[in-house]
Structure formats: C-alpha cells, structure tokens
Amino acid sequence: MHSSHNLSNMSSSTEAGTRGPGLRQISSGQWRAGIAAWLGWMFDGLDMHLYTLVALPFVAELMRSSTADPAVSDRCAWIQAAFLIGWAVGGGLFGRVGDRLGRTRALMMTILVYAAFTGLSFFARSWWHLLVLRFLAALGIGGEWAVGASLLAETWPRRWRPWIAAVLQTSGNLGVILASAAYYLIARGDLPNRWIFLVGVVPALLVFWIRRSVPESGEWNAEHSREQRASLRAAALFGPGLRRTTLLTIVVCALSLTAHWAFLFWFPQHLRGLGAQEGLTTGQIGVMVSQGMMLVIGCSMVGNFAAGAVARKLGFRRAILVMCLAYCGAMTAAYCVPRSTAGLWYFLAAIGACQGLFALFTMYLPPLFPTLLRTTGAGLCYNIGRIAAAFGTVFFGMFSHVGDYRLALLYAGLLFVPASVASYLLPDEPASEQAASLRG
C-alpha cells in the first residue's frame, strides 16, 4: 500500500473535523484522547530523564567508587544503552499490541510498565540491577510514543496536526522539567540520589482515568472489525509500496536520535566536568546541571511550536530537513571550541530550540503506514533509531576524557547532516491534503 494512499485514507476518516471552523468542532471524546496522550507523554518524559540527571553520582555510589573513575562513566553509558534498546524493543512490542488490541488498552499497559520499573530503580543495589530495571522501564516508555501518536493521529482533525505535534512534544518536555525540578529539590535538600526514582511511580495513577474515560479510536475499530488480517503482518512494512518509506524513515530516525541522545546524555556530564574544573561543590554542580536541563527543555518547548509553524509553511518533510540542519549548526557552534559553563548557556538555549525537530515526527510518521500497521510501523522505525542511539551514546563517549565530553558532542552533531539528506527523500504529503491541512 502506497504511503500517499494511507494518508488519503486517514484524511477522509477525519474530513468533517478537518473542514470545521475551529476547536468548537472537537468532541469530548477527542479531547479526552488528546489529554490522555498528553499526560502519558508528560510522564514519559519525566521517567525517561530521571536517570540522566543522577547517572554519574548514583552509578558511582552503586559501584562504591567516585565520579572520576573511568569505569563509572563506562557503566553509565551502558545503562543508558540498555535503556535505549529497551525503548526500541518496547516500541515494537507495544506497537503490535496497539494494532491488535487497540490504542487505549496499549496506552494503559505502557504507562503501568514504565511507572512500576522506574519506581523499582529506587531499590537497586548494584549497577547491573539499575541496568535491568532501566531496560524494563524503557519497554513501556518506547511503546507509549507509538501508541499515543497513533491515537491522536486517528482522532484529531488533520488541520490541527502541526499544532498537535507541538503540544504533544511539549508535554514530554514538561515532564523533563518536572524531573529536573525534582532533582533540584533533592540536590538542595542533600537527599540520596536514589530518591528521585520514586517520583516515577506517579504516572500509574493516570491509568485509572484512561480506563474509565478515554474511548478507543474509531478508525482502529472500523479497520479491526473488518478483520483485514493481511495488513496485520509486520512483514508488509518491507513489502512493495512500503519498503522504501520504511527504510528511509529508519535512517532518518537512527541518525537524528543518535545525535540527539548523545547530546541529552553527555551534555550534563560535560557540565559536571566543567563545574569540577571551576571549583564548584557537589551541591552547586547538581543545581547547575538541573538548571542546564531546564534551560534546554524550556527552549525546546518554544522550538516545538516554531517547528509546527515551519511545517505549516513548508510541509512536514521539508520542516524536518530544516530542523536537522539547524540542530547540527547549533551543536557545532556550541562545541567546536572549549567553553566555560557560563559560555555554554546561550548555545544550550539554541540547541534546545532545535529539538522541536522531534515534535514533527509525532504526526508525520504514523500516517505513512496503514491503520492496522500504524503503531507497528511508526514504533519500529522510530525505535530502531533508538537502538542506534544506544550504541551511539557509547561510541561517541569513546571520543571523550573523564570530565570533558566536548568532542563526543561535536562529532555526534554532525549526524544531522546525513539525516537531513535522507529526510529529503521521504514521501511528502499529497498537495491536496497538505493544502487542506494548512487551511484555517
């Protein structure tokens, strides 16, 4: 099935909402689906980034060593790699669950999984305990992306898609800010680092509301009731009509996510090293790292809406290309020469704004695939990218010295250039649908 045909099917299923004058046309069921996906992503972002904020000191504690020990940095990278691999596996696993059992059931399952295993990380007594628990938590986090994106793509009108992408991505950013705020309080209160993982249990409460209030996607119900079993086979993603789109999407996701996650993981560690060189105390370093993360994520929330505006003007495909190049330029400018902690803040703000790139993937990827392969296709492509990011985090860490990760960050940013080339080759929205999506 050709990707433009899939987009056409999806557009027709929401035609009435697409031509409506505004938000008053949105039904209560659509609002509840949107709120569920938004909250799921917010807590997704919260649980996702708790570890990155305490990685070095907590792993050093588990290994009964110091943050200056190269072995601690190595174990940190492997724990993060296990998390990203689990994220990829979860995307594929719960993608299939979402296509077979429905979007809302899969959404509840993913939230319970990541909340439970994030909370259990509090009880880790060895670095490999943490590695296993982060892998298991990531199964739910990876699955939630594809399920939530597909639920919104199937329930909200097409004309709102660029802004839905921005709002949904912003919820994940808000989750990261909440994680940073929690770490800020822990650092200020001089509490043990492991306490931060207890915050990750809170999302489990959301499941009770989803079960009672959020309706299943009408598009999924209609397609599933026809029992089109041929379209349920995941192998169809690599068959005629879908193979090129699937492979190109995997390339774009793999390259961009590797660079993105190398930044998200190594820039706090780089700040820690610079802070130590500048004579800051452990508590001051912790506060600075939390502030740095909040700066990046706060600016990325602005970047989400900037990317949505670019998508409305140029279309999703071209907007992805532009944002990839901007991300590369910002990382190159930040890390091409050594800088002090004070000298990095403006560049970190620019990098954060460029992270609006990933808001575009939310609404662009799912409609590339047939309805009963939508969460499978989007989840597979996006999460294979996370497998690449897992090994990329470790690989780029090899270009660094303890406390100085500048070269790792510089080289990682260059991956956005081939990602932009691959994005240019992706299918564009058909002109008629693109025009419909941009009309007020």
Protein backbone atom coordinates (compact mmCIF):
# COMPACT_ATOMS: atom_id res chain seq x y z
CA MET A 1 0.00 0.00 0.00
CA HIS A 2 1.50 3.31 -1.01
CA SER A 3 2.12 5.89 1.69
CA SER A 4 0.12 8.62 -0.05
CA HIS A 5 -2.83 6.23 -0.20
CA ASN A 6 -2.56 5.68 3.55
CA LEU A 7 -2.53 9.43 4.16
CA SER A 8 -5.59 9.78 1.96
CA ASN A 9 -7.48 7.12 3.92
CA MET A 10 -6.65 8.86 7.16
CA SER A 11 -7.66 12.25 5.83
CA SER A 12 -11.04 11.01 4.69
CA SER A 13 -11.73 9.49 8.11
CA THR A 14 -11.46 12.93 9.70
CA GLU A 15 -12.83 15.00 6.82
CA ALA A 16 -15.66 16.54 8.79
CA GLY A 17 -13.35 17.73 11.56
CA THR A 18 -10.79 18.94 9.06
CA ARG A 19 -13.22 21.38 7.45
CA GLY A 20 -14.62 22.62 10.77
CA PRO A 21 -14.07 26.25 11.76
CA GLY A 22 -12.20 25.63 14.99
CA LEU A 23 -11.79 23.87 18.32
CA ARG A 24 -15.54 24.01 18.98
CA GLN A 25 -15.87 21.17 16.47
CA ILE A 26 -13.72 18.88 18.66
CA SER A 27 -15.84 16.31 20.53
CA SER A 28 -15.42 15.42 24.20
CA GLY A 29 -14.06 12.01 23.18
CA GLN A 30 -11.37 13.66 21.06
CA TRP A 31 -10.45 15.97 23.93
CA ARG A 32 -10.15 13.04 26.33
CA ALA A 33 -7.96 11.13 23.87
CA GLY A 34 -5.77 14.20 23.48
CA ILE A 35 -5.47 14.73 27.22
CA ALA A 36 -4.62 11.05 27.79
CA ALA A 37 -1.87 11.12 25.18
CA TRP A 38 -0.58 14.46 26.51
CA LEU A 39 -0.38 13.24 30.11
CA GLY A 40 1.11 9.92 29.01
CA TRP A 41 3.86 11.76 27.17
CA MET A 42 4.46 14.14 30.06
CA PHE A 43 5.07 11.28 32.46
CA ASP A 44 7.01 9.53 29.69
CA GLY A 45 9.41 12.48 29.66
CA LEU A 46 9.56 12.51 33.46
CA ASP A 47 10.51 8.85 33.82
CA MET A 48 12.79 8.98 30.78
CA HIS A 49 15.14 11.65 32.16
CA LEU A 50 15.32 10.83 35.86
CA TYR A 51 18.38 8.65 35.29
CA THR A 52 20.30 11.11 33.11
CA LEU A 53 20.19 13.66 35.93
CA VAL A 54 21.81 11.38 38.52
CA ALA A 55 23.73 8.99 36.29
CA LEU A 56 27.34 9.61 37.34
CA PRO A 57 26.91 10.12 41.09
CA PHE A 58 24.35 7.31 41.50
CA VAL A 59 26.30 4.74 39.49
CA ALA A 60 29.46 5.78 41.39
CA GLU A 61 27.55 5.12 44.61
CA LEU A 62 26.41 1.70 43.38
CA MET A 63 29.98 0.83 42.36
CA ARG A 64 31.39 2.25 45.61
CA SER A 65 33.70 4.45 43.58
CA SER A 66 33.97 8.11 42.55
CA THR A 67 32.68 10.05 39.55
CA ALA A 68 36.30 10.46 38.40
CA ASP A 69 36.63 6.69 37.86
CA PRO A 70 36.56 5.92 34.09
CA ALA A 71 34.76 2.65 34.86
CA VAL A 72 31.84 4.63 36.31
CA SER A 73 31.46 6.64 33.10
CA ASP A 74 31.59 3.41 31.11
CA ARG A 75 28.85 1.74 33.19
CA CYS A 76 26.71 4.87 32.93
CA ALA A 77 26.87 4.70 29.16
CA TRP A 78 25.96 1.01 29.08
CA ILE A 79 22.99 1.56 31.39
CA GLN A 80 21.79 4.29 29.05
CA ALA A 81 22.37 1.98 26.09
CA ALA A 82 20.26 -0.72 27.76
CA PHE A 83 17.52 1.86 28.32
CA LEU A 84 17.50 2.88 24.67
CA ILE A 85 17.49 -0.73 23.50
CA GLY A 86 14.56 -1.43 25.81
CA TRP A 87 12.85 1.64 24.38
CA ALA A 88 13.26 0.21 20.90
CA VAL A 89 12.04 -3.26 21.88
CA GLY A 90 9.06 -1.75 23.69
CA GLY A 91 8.17 0.32 20.65
CA GLY A 92 7.93 -2.80 18.52
CA LEU A 93 6.27 -4.93 21.21
CA PHE A 94 3.57 -2.45 22.24
CA GLY A 95 3.21 -1.31 18.64
CA ARG A 96 1.90 -4.78 17.85
CA VAL A 97 -0.27 -4.71 20.98
CA GLY A 98 -1.71 -1.35 19.91
CA ASP A 99 -2.53 -2.63 16.42
CA ARG A 100 -4.13 -5.84 17.70
CA LEU A 101 -5.83 -4.85 20.97
CA GLY A 102 -6.46 -1.15 20.43
CA ARG A 103 -4.79 2.15 21.26
CA THR A 104 -6.26 2.82 24.70
CA ARG A 105 -5.55 -0.65 26.09
CA ALA A 106 -1.96 -0.48 24.90
CA LEU A 107 -1.60 3.05 26.32
CA MET A 108 -2.62 1.84 29.78
CA MET A 109 -0.21 -1.08 29.63
CA THR A 110 2.75 1.07 28.62
CA ILE A 111 2.17 3.58 31.43
CA LEU A 112 1.95 0.85 34.08
CA VAL A 113 5.17 -0.75 32.86
CA TYR A 114 7.31 2.38 32.87
CA ALA A 115 5.90 3.64 36.19
CA ALA A 116 6.47 0.34 38.01
CA PHE A 117 10.04 -0.29 36.89
CA THR A 118 11.14 3.32 37.31
CA GLY A 119 9.94 3.19 40.91
CA LEU A 120 11.72 -0.12 41.49
CA SER A 121 15.01 1.53 40.47
CA PHE A 122 14.99 3.06 43.96
CA PHE A 123 15.89 -0.38 45.32
CA ALA A 124 18.90 -1.01 43.04
CA ARG A 125 21.97 -2.15 44.95
CA SER A 126 24.33 -2.76 42.05
CA TRP A 127 24.91 -1.04 38.72
CA TRP A 128 23.59 -4.07 36.81
CA HIS A 129 20.37 -4.01 38.86
CA LEU A 130 19.86 -0.49 37.55
CA LEU A 131 20.68 -1.60 34.01
CA VAL A 132 17.98 -4.30 34.10
CA LEU A 133 15.36 -2.03 35.67
CA ARG A 134 16.01 0.79 33.21
CA PHE A 135 15.69 -1.68 30.31
CA LEU A 136 12.32 -2.88 31.64
CA ALA A 137 11.04 0.66 32.27
CA ALA A 138 12.04 1.60 28.74
CA LEU A 139 9.75 -1.09 27.30
CA GLY A 140 6.78 0.99 28.40
CA ILE A 141 8.30 4.35 27.51
CA GLY A 142 9.11 3.19 23.97
CA GLY A 143 5.67 1.71 23.46
CA GLU A 144 3.86 4.83 24.69
CA TRP A 145 5.29 7.01 21.90
CA ALA A 146 3.86 5.00 19.01
CA VAL A 147 0.53 4.30 20.72
CA GLY A 148 -0.07 7.90 21.81
CA ALA A 149 0.94 9.33 18.43
CA SER A 150 -1.35 6.94 16.55
CA LEU A 151 -4.26 7.61 18.90
CA LEU A 152 -4.07 11.35 18.24
CA ALA A 153 -3.41 10.97 14.51
CA GLU A 154 -6.62 8.92 14.26
CA THR A 155 -8.86 11.05 16.45
CA TRP A 156 -7.97 14.70 15.79
CA PRO A 157 -8.69 16.64 12.55
CA ARG A 158 -5.90 16.95 10.06
CA ARG A 159 -5.78 20.76 10.09
CA TRP A 160 -4.59 20.69 13.72
CA ARG A 161 -1.81 18.19 13.14
CA PRO A 162 1.23 20.58 13.24
CA TRP A 163 -0.01 22.11 16.49
CA ILE A 164 -0.94 18.74 17.98
CA ALA A 165 2.63 17.64 17.29
CA ALA A 166 3.98 20.71 19.10
CA VAL A 167 1.64 20.39 22.07
CA LEU A 168 2.28 16.66 22.44
CA GLN A 169 6.06 17.08 22.30
CA THR A 170 5.81 19.94 24.78
CA SER A 171 4.18 17.60 27.27
CA GLY A 172 7.28 15.40 27.14
CA ASN A 173 9.42 18.50 27.63
CA LEU A 174 7.33 19.47 30.63
CA GLY A 175 7.97 16.00 32.06
CA VAL A 176 11.70 16.59 31.76
CA ILE A 177 11.33 19.94 33.52
CA LEU A 178 9.44 18.20 36.32
CA ALA A 179 12.25 15.65 36.57
CA SER A 180 14.79 18.48 36.71
CA ALA A 181 12.75 20.25 39.38
CA ALA A 182 12.60 17.05 41.43
CA TYR A 183 16.37 16.69 41.17
CA TYR A 184 16.81 20.35 42.10
CA LEU A 185 14.88 19.76 45.32
CA ILE A 186 16.87 16.60 46.04
CA ALA A 187 20.17 18.41 45.45
CA ARG A 188 19.10 21.37 47.60
CA GLY A 189 17.92 19.03 50.36
CA ASP A 190 21.07 16.88 50.16
CA LEU A 191 18.92 13.74 49.83
CA PRO A 192 20.25 10.46 48.36
CA ASN A 193 20.13 10.36 44.56
CA ARG A 194 18.04 7.17 44.51
CA TRP A 195 15.02 9.06 45.89
CA ILE A 196 14.42 10.62 42.50
CA PHE A 197 13.15 7.31 41.08
CA LEU A 198 10.18 7.27 43.46
CA VAL A 199 8.78 10.24 41.54
CA GLY A 200 8.40 7.89 38.57
CA VAL A 201 5.61 5.91 40.26
CA VAL A 202 3.10 8.79 39.97
CA PRO A 203 2.07 8.09 36.32
CA ALA A 204 0.44 4.79 37.34
CA LEU A 205 -2.50 6.81 38.71
CA LEU A 206 -3.31 8.01 35.18
CA VAL A 207 -4.30 4.50 34.09
CA PHE A 208 -7.49 4.51 36.20
CA TRP A 209 -8.76 7.63 34.41
CA ILE A 210 -7.86 6.33 30.93
CA ARG A 211 -9.71 3.07 31.56
CA ARG A 212 -12.87 4.94 32.60
CA SER A 213 -12.89 7.94 30.28
CA VAL A 214 -10.91 7.54 27.04
CA PRO A 215 -12.68 5.99 24.03
CA GLU A 216 -10.98 3.76 21.51
CA SER A 217 -10.01 5.20 18.13
CA GLY A 218 -12.96 4.96 15.76
CA GLU A 219 -10.63 4.41 12.82
CA TRP A 220 -8.97 1.46 14.57
CA ASN A 221 -12.37 -0.01 15.49
CA ALA A 222 -13.59 0.25 11.89
CA GLU A 223 -10.49 -1.34 10.40
CA HIS A 224 -10.19 -4.03 13.05
CA SER A 225 -13.83 -5.06 12.67
CA ARG A 226 -13.15 -5.87 9.02
CA GLU A 227 -10.50 -8.37 10.14
CA GLN A 228 -8.05 -7.39 7.44
CA ARG A 229 -5.51 -9.92 8.64
CA ALA A 230 -3.22 -9.41 5.65
CA SER A 231 -2.48 -5.87 6.77
CA LEU A 232 -1.68 -7.11 10.28
CA ARG A 233 1.52 -8.83 9.13
CA ALA A 234 4.51 -6.75 10.14
CA ALA A 235 6.43 -8.11 7.14
CA ALA A 236 4.23 -5.91 4.94
CA LEU A 237 6.31 -2.93 6.11
CA PHE A 238 9.11 -4.25 3.92
CA GLY A 239 6.90 -5.28 1.03
CA PRO A 240 6.12 -3.47 -2.23
CA GLY A 241 4.82 0.04 -1.74
CA LEU A 242 6.08 0.44 1.84
CA ARG A 243 9.69 -0.79 1.77
CA ARG A 244 11.28 2.47 0.59
CA THR A 245 9.34 4.58 3.08
CA THR A 246 10.13 2.20 5.94
CA LEU A 247 13.86 2.10 5.22
CA LEU A 248 14.20 5.86 4.73
CA THR A 249 12.27 6.54 7.92
CA ILE A 250 14.54 4.17 9.83
CA VAL A 251 17.62 6.00 8.51
CA VAL A 252 16.29 9.44 9.47
CA CYS A 253 15.28 8.27 12.94
CA ALA A 254 18.51 6.35 13.57
CA LEU A 255 20.81 9.24 12.65
CA SER A 256 18.85 12.03 14.31
CA LEU A 257 18.08 10.12 17.51
CA THR A 258 21.69 9.01 17.88
CA ALA A 259 22.87 12.61 17.75
CA HIS A 260 20.01 13.82 19.96
CA TRP A 261 20.51 11.23 22.69
CA ALA A 262 24.28 11.63 22.64
CA PHE A 263 23.63 15.29 23.43
CA LEU A 264 21.00 14.64 26.11
CA PHE A 265 23.19 12.12 27.90
CA TRP A 266 26.65 13.68 27.59
CA PHE A 267 25.92 17.39 27.96
CA PRO A 268 25.00 17.08 31.69
CA GLN A 269 28.17 15.04 32.25
CA HIS A 270 30.16 17.70 30.37
CA LEU A 271 28.68 20.39 32.61
CA ARG A 272 29.64 18.32 35.66
CA GLY A 273 33.24 18.10 34.45
CA LEU A 274 33.44 21.82 33.74
CA GLY A 275 31.91 22.62 37.12
CA ALA A 276 34.51 20.46 38.87
CA GLN A 277 37.30 22.22 36.97
CA GLU A 278 35.87 25.58 38.04
CA GLY A 279 35.91 24.55 41.71
CA LEU A 280 32.16 24.19 42.31
CA THR A 281 30.93 22.00 45.15
CA THR A 282 28.97 18.81 44.54
CA GLY A 283 25.73 20.55 45.52
CA GLN A 284 26.45 23.53 43.26
CA ILE A 285 27.19 21.19 40.36
CA GLY A 286 23.90 19.37 40.92
CA VAL A 287 21.95 22.61 40.91
CA MET A 288 23.78 23.81 37.77
CA VAL A 289 23.05 20.56 35.92
CA SER A 290 19.35 20.71 36.79
CA GLN A 291 19.24 24.35 35.65
CA GLY A 292 21.01 23.44 32.41
CA MET A 293 18.48 20.70 31.68
CA MET A 294 15.58 23.02 32.44
CA LEU A 295 17.05 25.65 30.09
CA VAL A 296 17.39 23.16 27.23
CA ILE A 297 13.93 21.69 27.71
CA GLY A 298 12.29 25.08 28.25
CA CYS A 299 13.71 26.31 24.95
CA SER A 300 12.69 23.09 23.23
CA MET A 301 9.08 23.82 24.17
CA VAL A 302 9.38 27.06 22.19
CA GLY A 303 11.09 25.08 19.43
CA ASN A 304 8.14 22.68 19.19
CA PHE A 305 5.81 25.49 18.12
CA ALA A 306 8.46 27.02 15.87
CA ALA A 307 8.79 23.65 14.13
CA GLY A 308 4.99 23.45 13.85
CA ALA A 309 4.97 26.87 12.18
CA VAL A 310 7.66 25.72 9.73
CA ALA A 311 5.63 22.59 8.98
CA ARG A 312 2.53 24.65 8.21
CA LYS A 313 4.58 26.73 5.79
CA LEU A 314 6.77 24.07 4.14
CA GLY A 315 5.14 20.74 4.99
CA PHE A 316 6.43 18.14 7.44
CA ARG A 317 9.15 16.65 5.23
CA ARG A 318 10.88 19.94 4.45
CA ALA A 319 10.46 21.12 8.02
CA ILE A 320 12.31 18.01 9.23
CA LEU A 321 15.15 18.79 6.82
CA VAL A 322 15.40 22.41 8.05
CA MET A 323 15.36 21.43 11.72
CA CYS A 324 18.04 18.76 11.22
CA LEU A 325 20.40 21.30 9.70
CA ALA A 326 19.64 23.83 12.44
CA TYR A 327 20.35 21.24 15.16
CA CYS A 328 23.69 20.40 13.53
CA GLY A 329 24.64 24.07 13.33
CA ALA A 330 23.77 24.72 16.97
CA MET A 331 25.78 21.75 18.28
CA THR A 332 28.75 22.62 16.08
CA ALA A 333 28.75 26.21 17.32
CA ALA A 334 28.49 25.10 20.95
CA TYR A 335 31.28 22.53 20.96
CA CYS A 336 33.69 23.50 18.17
CA VAL A 337 35.93 25.21 20.75
CA PRO A 338 36.32 24.76 24.55
CA ARG A 339 33.93 26.95 26.54
CA SER A 340 33.28 27.65 30.22
CA THR A 341 29.98 26.78 31.87
CA ALA A 342 28.89 30.43 31.57
CA GLY A 343 29.87 30.47 27.89
CA LEU A 344 27.62 27.50 27.06
CA TRP A 345 24.25 28.81 28.20
CA TYR A 346 23.25 30.69 25.04
CA PHE A 347 24.28 27.74 22.89
CA LEU A 348 22.31 25.32 25.06
CA ALA A 349 19.26 27.51 24.55
CA ALA A 350 19.72 27.34 20.76
CA ILE A 351 20.16 23.56 20.85
CA GLY A 352 17.00 23.24 22.91
CA ALA A 353 15.01 25.23 20.36
CA CYS A 354 16.21 22.90 17.59
CA GLN A 355 14.78 19.90 19.43
CA GLY A 356 11.40 20.90 18.02
CA LEU A 357 12.52 18.55 15.24
CA PHE A 358 11.15 15.59 17.17
CA ALA A 359 7.70 17.13 17.52
CA LEU A 360 7.39 16.79 13.74
CA PHE A 361 7.94 13.02 13.84
CA THR A 362 4.89 12.62 16.07
CA MET A 363 2.30 13.49 13.44
CA TYR A 364 4.31 12.79 10.28
CA LEU A 365 5.33 9.17 10.85
CA PRO A 366 2.11 7.31 11.82
CA PRO A 367 0.08 8.27 8.70
CA LEU A 368 2.83 6.88 6.47
CA PHE A 369 1.55 3.39 7.33
CA PRO A 370 -1.81 1.54 7.02
CA THR A 371 -4.16 1.77 10.00
CA LEU A 372 -3.59 -1.77 11.28
CA LEU A 373 0.17 -1.35 10.91
CA ARG A 374 0.31 2.23 12.14
CA THR A 375 1.69 1.78 15.65
CA THR A 376 3.85 -1.10 14.46
CA GLY A 377 5.33 0.91 11.58
CA ALA A 378 5.87 4.15 13.50
CA GLY A 379 7.11 2.30 16.55
CA LEU A 380 9.50 0.10 14.56
CA CYS A 381 11.07 2.93 12.59
CA TYR A 382 11.38 5.34 15.48
CA ASN A 383 12.65 2.72 17.90
CA ILE A 384 15.20 1.14 15.61
CA GLY A 385 16.60 4.65 15.75
CA ARG A 386 16.86 4.27 19.50
CA ILE A 387 18.89 1.07 19.12
CA ALA A 388 21.33 3.05 17.00
CA ALA A 389 21.24 5.79 19.65
CA ALA A 390 22.05 3.24 22.35
CA PHE A 391 25.29 2.19 20.71
CA GLY A 392 25.94 5.72 19.50
CA THR A 393 25.91 7.00 23.09
CA VAL A 394 28.64 4.52 23.99
CA PHE A 395 30.53 5.09 20.73
CA PHE A 396 30.69 8.87 20.99
CA GLY A 397 31.67 8.58 24.63
CA MET A 398 34.90 6.99 23.40
CA PHE A 399 35.94 10.38 22.00
CA SER A 400 35.99 11.94 25.45
CA HIS A 401 38.17 12.13 28.51
CA VAL A 402 36.79 11.92 32.03
CA GLY A 403 35.02 15.22 32.67
CA ASP A 404 35.43 16.51 29.09
CA TYR A 405 32.84 15.35 26.57
CA ARG A 406 33.15 18.23 24.12
CA LEU A 407 34.44 16.15 21.18
CA ALA A 408 31.80 13.49 21.73
CA LEU A 409 29.12 16.18 21.47
CA LEU A 410 30.75 17.87 18.48
CA TYR A 411 31.05 14.71 16.40
CA ALA A 412 27.56 13.49 17.33
CA GLY A 413 26.00 16.69 15.99
CA LEU A 414 27.38 16.01 12.51
CA LEU A 415 24.96 13.08 12.13
CA PHE A 416 22.14 15.53 11.48
CA VAL A 417 23.61 16.27 8.04
CA PRO A 418 23.01 12.79 6.51
CA ALA A 419 19.71 12.69 8.41
CA SER A 420 18.61 15.81 6.53
CA VAL A 421 19.57 14.21 3.21
CA ALA A 422 17.52 11.09 3.98
CA SER A 423 14.55 13.20 5.08
CA TYR A 424 14.58 14.96 1.70
CA LEU A 425 13.96 11.56 0.05
CA LEU A 426 10.95 10.71 2.23
CA PRO A 427 7.45 10.95 0.73
CA ASP A 428 5.71 14.29 1.01
CA GLU A 429 2.06 14.83 1.79
CA PRO A 430 -0.05 14.91 -1.38
CA ALA A 431 -0.62 18.50 -2.45
CA SER A 432 -4.39 18.38 -1.93
CA GLU A 433 -4.09 17.04 1.60
CA GLN A 434 -1.30 19.38 2.51
CA ALA A 435 -3.38 22.31 1.37
CA ALA A 436 -6.34 21.06 3.39
CA SER A 437 -4.18 20.68 6.49
CA LEU A 438 -2.88 24.24 6.21
CA ARG A 439 -6.22 25.94 5.64
CA GLY A 440 -7.79 27.63 8.63
